[in-house]
Amino acid sequence: QVQLVESGGGLVQLGGSLRLSCIASGSISSINTMGWYRQAPGKQRELVATIRTDGTTNYADSMKGRFTISRDNAKNTVYLHSDSLEPEDTAVYYCNYSPRSGITYWGKGTLVTVSS
């Protein structure tokens, strides 16, 4: 079992910054991929970015240049950073953990609301 706890969401002003954190605990595989997905109201969940334990990153095309994903393997923590948020960034952001083999886990999500 793996538990994921996201933090850092809330109300952000238009053009403001975002920094989300997700801490993984439990049976953590030494090789894994962690990432962030988001789901806006009325839309399907979509990929923001993922990062492997070796630091390899993958971004959705629409997120490239706007979001930065990073991780601290010693803390089993993944981060998501963005500057200049826009109204369409309003969504519930979900943390994801995928071991090299086995099932994928999801956090409960943290709501980010971009206000003008």
C-alpha atoms as a PDB file:
ATOM      1  CA  GLN A   1       0.000   0.000   0.000  1.00  0.00           C
ATOM      2  CA  VAL A   2       1.085   3.522  -0.800  1.00  0.00           C
ATOM      3  CA  GLN A   3      -0.460   6.692   0.575  1.00  0.00           C
ATOM      4  CA  LEU A   4      -0.217  10.016  -1.226  1.00  0.00           C
ATOM      5  CA  VAL A   5      -0.940  13.325   0.443  1.00  0.00           C
ATOM      6  CA  GLU A   6      -1.072  16.493  -1.639  1.00  0.00           C
ATOM      7  CA  SER A   7      -0.744  20.010  -0.289  1.00  0.00           C
ATOM      8  CA  GLY A   8      -0.359  23.537  -1.568  1.00  0.00           C
ATOM      9  CA  GLY A   9      -3.654  24.136  -3.312  1.00  0.00           C
ATOM     10  CA  GLY A  10      -5.987  27.016  -2.692  1.00  0.00           C
ATOM     11  CA  LEU A  11      -6.955  30.348  -4.156  1.00  0.00           C
ATOM     12  CA  VAL A  12      -4.357  31.938  -6.425  1.00  0.00           C
ATOM     13  CA  GLN A  13      -4.570  35.300  -8.101  1.00  0.00           C
ATOM     14  CA  LEU A  14      -4.446  35.535 -11.875  1.00  0.00           C
ATOM     15  CA  GLY A  15      -0.798  35.595 -12.854  1.00  0.00           C
ATOM     16  CA  GLY A  16       0.230  34.218  -9.494  1.00  0.00           C
ATOM     17  CA  SER A  17       2.408  31.236  -8.634  1.00  0.00           C
ATOM     18  CA  LEU A  18       1.648  27.689  -7.621  1.00  0.00           C
ATOM     19  CA  ARG A  19       3.687  25.174  -5.703  1.00  0.00           C
ATOM     20  CA  LEU A  20       2.155  21.807  -4.939  1.00  0.00           C
ATOM     21  CA  SER A  21       3.723  19.019  -2.913  1.00  0.00           C
ATOM     22  CA  CYS A  22       2.875  15.348  -2.679  1.00  0.00           C
ATOM     23  CA  ILE A  23       4.392  13.054  -0.081  1.00  0.00           C
ATOM     24  CA  ALA A  24       4.334   9.316  -0.672  1.00  0.00           C
ATOM     25  CA  SER A  25       4.491   6.868   2.209  1.00  0.00           C
ATOM     26  CA  GLY A  26       4.173   3.129   2.654  1.00  0.00           C
ATOM     27  CA  SER A  27       5.684   0.486   0.377  1.00  0.00           C
ATOM     28  CA  ILE A  28       7.658   2.751  -1.924  1.00  0.00           C
ATOM     29  CA  SER A  29       9.476   1.079  -4.798  1.00  0.00           C
ATOM     30  CA  SER A  30      13.058   2.199  -5.378  1.00  0.00           C
ATOM     31  CA  ILE A  31      12.179   2.715  -9.040  1.00  0.00           C
ATOM     32  CA  ASN A  32       8.967   4.553  -9.657  1.00  0.00           C
ATOM     33  CA  THR A  33       7.269   7.349 -11.504  1.00  0.00           C
ATOM     34  CA  MET A  34       5.372  10.101  -9.754  1.00  0.00           C
ATOM     35  CA  GLY A  35       3.328  12.730 -11.419  1.00  0.00           C
ATOM     36  CA  TRP A  36       0.598  15.290 -11.455  1.00  0.00           C
ATOM     37  CA  TYR A  37      -2.699  15.166 -13.260  1.00  0.00           C
ATOM     38  CA  ARG A  38      -5.546  17.624 -13.117  1.00  0.00           C
ATOM     39  CA  GLN A  39      -9.261  17.685 -13.691  1.00  0.00           C
ATOM     40  CA  ALA A  40     -11.060  20.896 -14.460  1.00  0.00           C
ATOM     41  CA  PRO A  41     -14.813  21.245 -13.882  1.00  0.00           C
ATOM     42  CA  GLY A  42     -16.721  19.349 -16.534  1.00  0.00           C
ATOM     43  CA  LYS A  43     -13.577  17.949 -18.125  1.00  0.00           C
ATOM     44  CA  GLN A  44     -11.665  14.704 -18.068  1.00  0.00           C
ATOM     45  CA  ARG A  45      -8.569  14.208 -15.973  1.00  0.00           C
ATOM     46  CA  GLU A  46      -5.460  15.119 -17.927  1.00  0.00           C
ATOM     47  CA  LEU A  47      -1.739  14.717 -17.563  1.00  0.00           C
ATOM     48  CA  VAL A  48       0.319  17.655 -16.369  1.00  0.00           C
ATOM     49  CA  ALA A  49       3.724  15.991 -15.930  1.00  0.00           C
ATOM     50  CA  THR A  50       5.503  12.939 -14.580  1.00  0.00           C
ATOM     51  CA  ILE A  51       8.989  12.339 -13.237  1.00  0.00           C
ATOM     52  CA  ARG A  52      10.906   9.121 -12.698  1.00  0.00           C
ATOM     53  CA  THR A  53      13.262   8.355  -9.862  1.00  0.00           C
ATOM     54  CA  ASP A  54      16.162   8.980 -12.264  1.00  0.00           C
ATOM     55  CA  GLY A  55      14.842  12.481 -12.918  1.00  0.00           C
ATOM     56  CA  THR A  56      13.460  11.847 -16.390  1.00  0.00           C
ATOM     57  CA  THR A  57      10.451  14.079 -16.938  1.00  0.00           C
ATOM     58  CA  ASN A  58       7.480  13.977 -19.272  1.00  0.00           C
ATOM     59  CA  TYR A  59       5.125  16.900 -19.825  1.00  0.00           C
ATOM     60  CA  ALA A  60       1.866  17.154 -21.650  1.00  0.00           C
ATOM     61  CA  ASP A  61       2.452  19.356 -24.679  1.00  0.00           C
ATOM     62  CA  SER A  62       0.065  22.025 -23.391  1.00  0.00           C
ATOM     63  CA  MET A  63       1.929  22.165 -20.068  1.00  0.00           C
ATOM     64  CA  LYS A  64       5.462  22.499 -21.412  1.00  0.00           C
ATOM     65  CA  GLY A  65       7.059  25.766 -20.427  1.00  0.00           C
ATOM     66  CA  ARG A  66       4.326  26.560 -17.912  1.00  0.00           C
ATOM     67  CA  PHE A  67       4.788  23.912 -15.257  1.00  0.00           C
ATOM     68  CA  THR A  68       7.884  22.412 -13.680  1.00  0.00           C
ATOM     69  CA  ILE A  69       7.898  19.061 -11.961  1.00  0.00           C
ATOM     70  CA  SER A  70      10.631  18.011  -9.558  1.00  0.00           C
ATOM     71  CA  ARG A  71      11.154  15.456  -6.841  1.00  0.00           C
ATOM     72  CA  ASP A  72      13.175  14.679  -3.743  1.00  0.00           C
ATOM     73  CA  ASN A  73      13.736  10.932  -3.665  1.00  0.00           C
ATOM     74  CA  ALA A  74      15.026  11.001  -0.106  1.00  0.00           C
ATOM     75  CA  LYS A  75      11.726  12.496   1.007  1.00  0.00           C
ATOM     76  CA  ASN A  76       9.527  10.543  -1.443  1.00  0.00           C
ATOM     77  CA  THR A  77       8.082  13.879  -2.441  1.00  0.00           C
ATOM     78  CA  VAL A  78       7.131  15.303  -5.801  1.00  0.00           C
ATOM     79  CA  TYR A  79       6.540  18.974  -6.496  1.00  0.00           C
ATOM     80  CA  LEU A  80       4.749  20.974  -9.138  1.00  0.00           C
ATOM     81  CA  HIS A  81       5.562  24.604  -9.740  1.00  0.00           C
ATOM     82  CA  SER A  82       4.069  27.172 -12.040  1.00  0.00           C
ATOM     83  CA  ASP A  83       4.281  30.905 -12.484  1.00  0.00           C
ATOM     84  CA  SER A  84       1.655  33.080 -14.168  1.00  0.00           C
ATOM     85  CA  LEU A  85      -1.388  30.956 -13.592  1.00  0.00           C
ATOM     86  CA  GLU A  86      -4.369  31.438 -15.852  1.00  0.00           C
ATOM     87  CA  PRO A  87      -8.090  30.845 -15.224  1.00  0.00           C
ATOM     88  CA  GLU A  88      -7.971  27.595 -17.209  1.00  0.00           C
ATOM     89  CA  ASP A  89      -5.520  26.221 -14.659  1.00  0.00           C
ATOM     90  CA  THR A  90      -8.385  26.030 -12.176  1.00  0.00           C
ATOM     91  CA  ALA A  91      -8.722  22.329 -11.414  1.00  0.00           C
ATOM     92  CA  VAL A  92      -8.296  19.612  -8.873  1.00  0.00           C
ATOM     93  CA  TYR A  93      -4.684  18.485  -9.054  1.00  0.00           C
ATOM     94  CA  TYR A  94      -3.994  14.844  -8.329  1.00  0.00           C
ATOM     95  CA  CYS A  95      -0.749  13.196  -7.376  1.00  0.00           C
ATOM     96  CA  ASN A  96       0.023   9.850  -8.970  1.00  0.00           C
ATOM     97  CA  TYR A  97       2.476   7.101  -8.033  1.00  0.00           C
ATOM     98  CA  SER A  98       3.381   4.222 -10.326  1.00  0.00           C
ATOM     99  CA  PRO A  99       5.946   1.591  -9.338  1.00  0.00           C
ATOM    100  CA  ARG A 100       8.006  -0.203 -11.981  1.00  0.00           C
ATOM    101  CA  SER A 101       5.574  -3.081 -11.574  1.00  0.00           C
ATOM    102  CA  GLY A 102       2.340  -3.143  -9.660  1.00  0.00           C
ATOM    103  CA  ILE A 103      -0.663  -0.938  -9.274  1.00  0.00           C
ATOM    104  CA  THR A 104      -0.907   2.816  -9.546  1.00  0.00           C
ATOM    105  CA  TYR A 105      -1.997   4.972  -6.654  1.00  0.00           C
ATOM    106  CA  TRP A 106      -3.744   8.331  -6.596  1.00  0.00           C
ATOM    107  CA  GLY A 107      -3.964  11.043  -4.020  1.00  0.00           C
ATOM    108  CA  LYS A 108      -7.277  12.593  -3.057  1.00  0.00           C
ATOM    109  CA  GLY A 109      -6.469  15.772  -4.939  1.00  0.00           C
ATOM    110  CA  THR A 110      -6.001  19.395  -4.041  1.00  0.00           C
ATOM    111  CA  LEU A 111      -8.118  22.174  -5.506  1.00  0.00           C
ATOM    112  CA  VAL A 112      -6.445  25.106  -7.195  1.00  0.00           C
ATOM    113  CA  THR A 113      -8.663  28.051  -8.049  1.00  0.00           C
ATOM    114  CA  VAL A 114      -7.266  30.881 -10.138  1.00  0.00           C
ATOM    115  CA  SER A 115      -9.127  34.064  -9.405  1.00  0.00           C
ATOM    116  CA  SER A 116      -9.190  37.230 -11.474  1.00  0.00           C
END
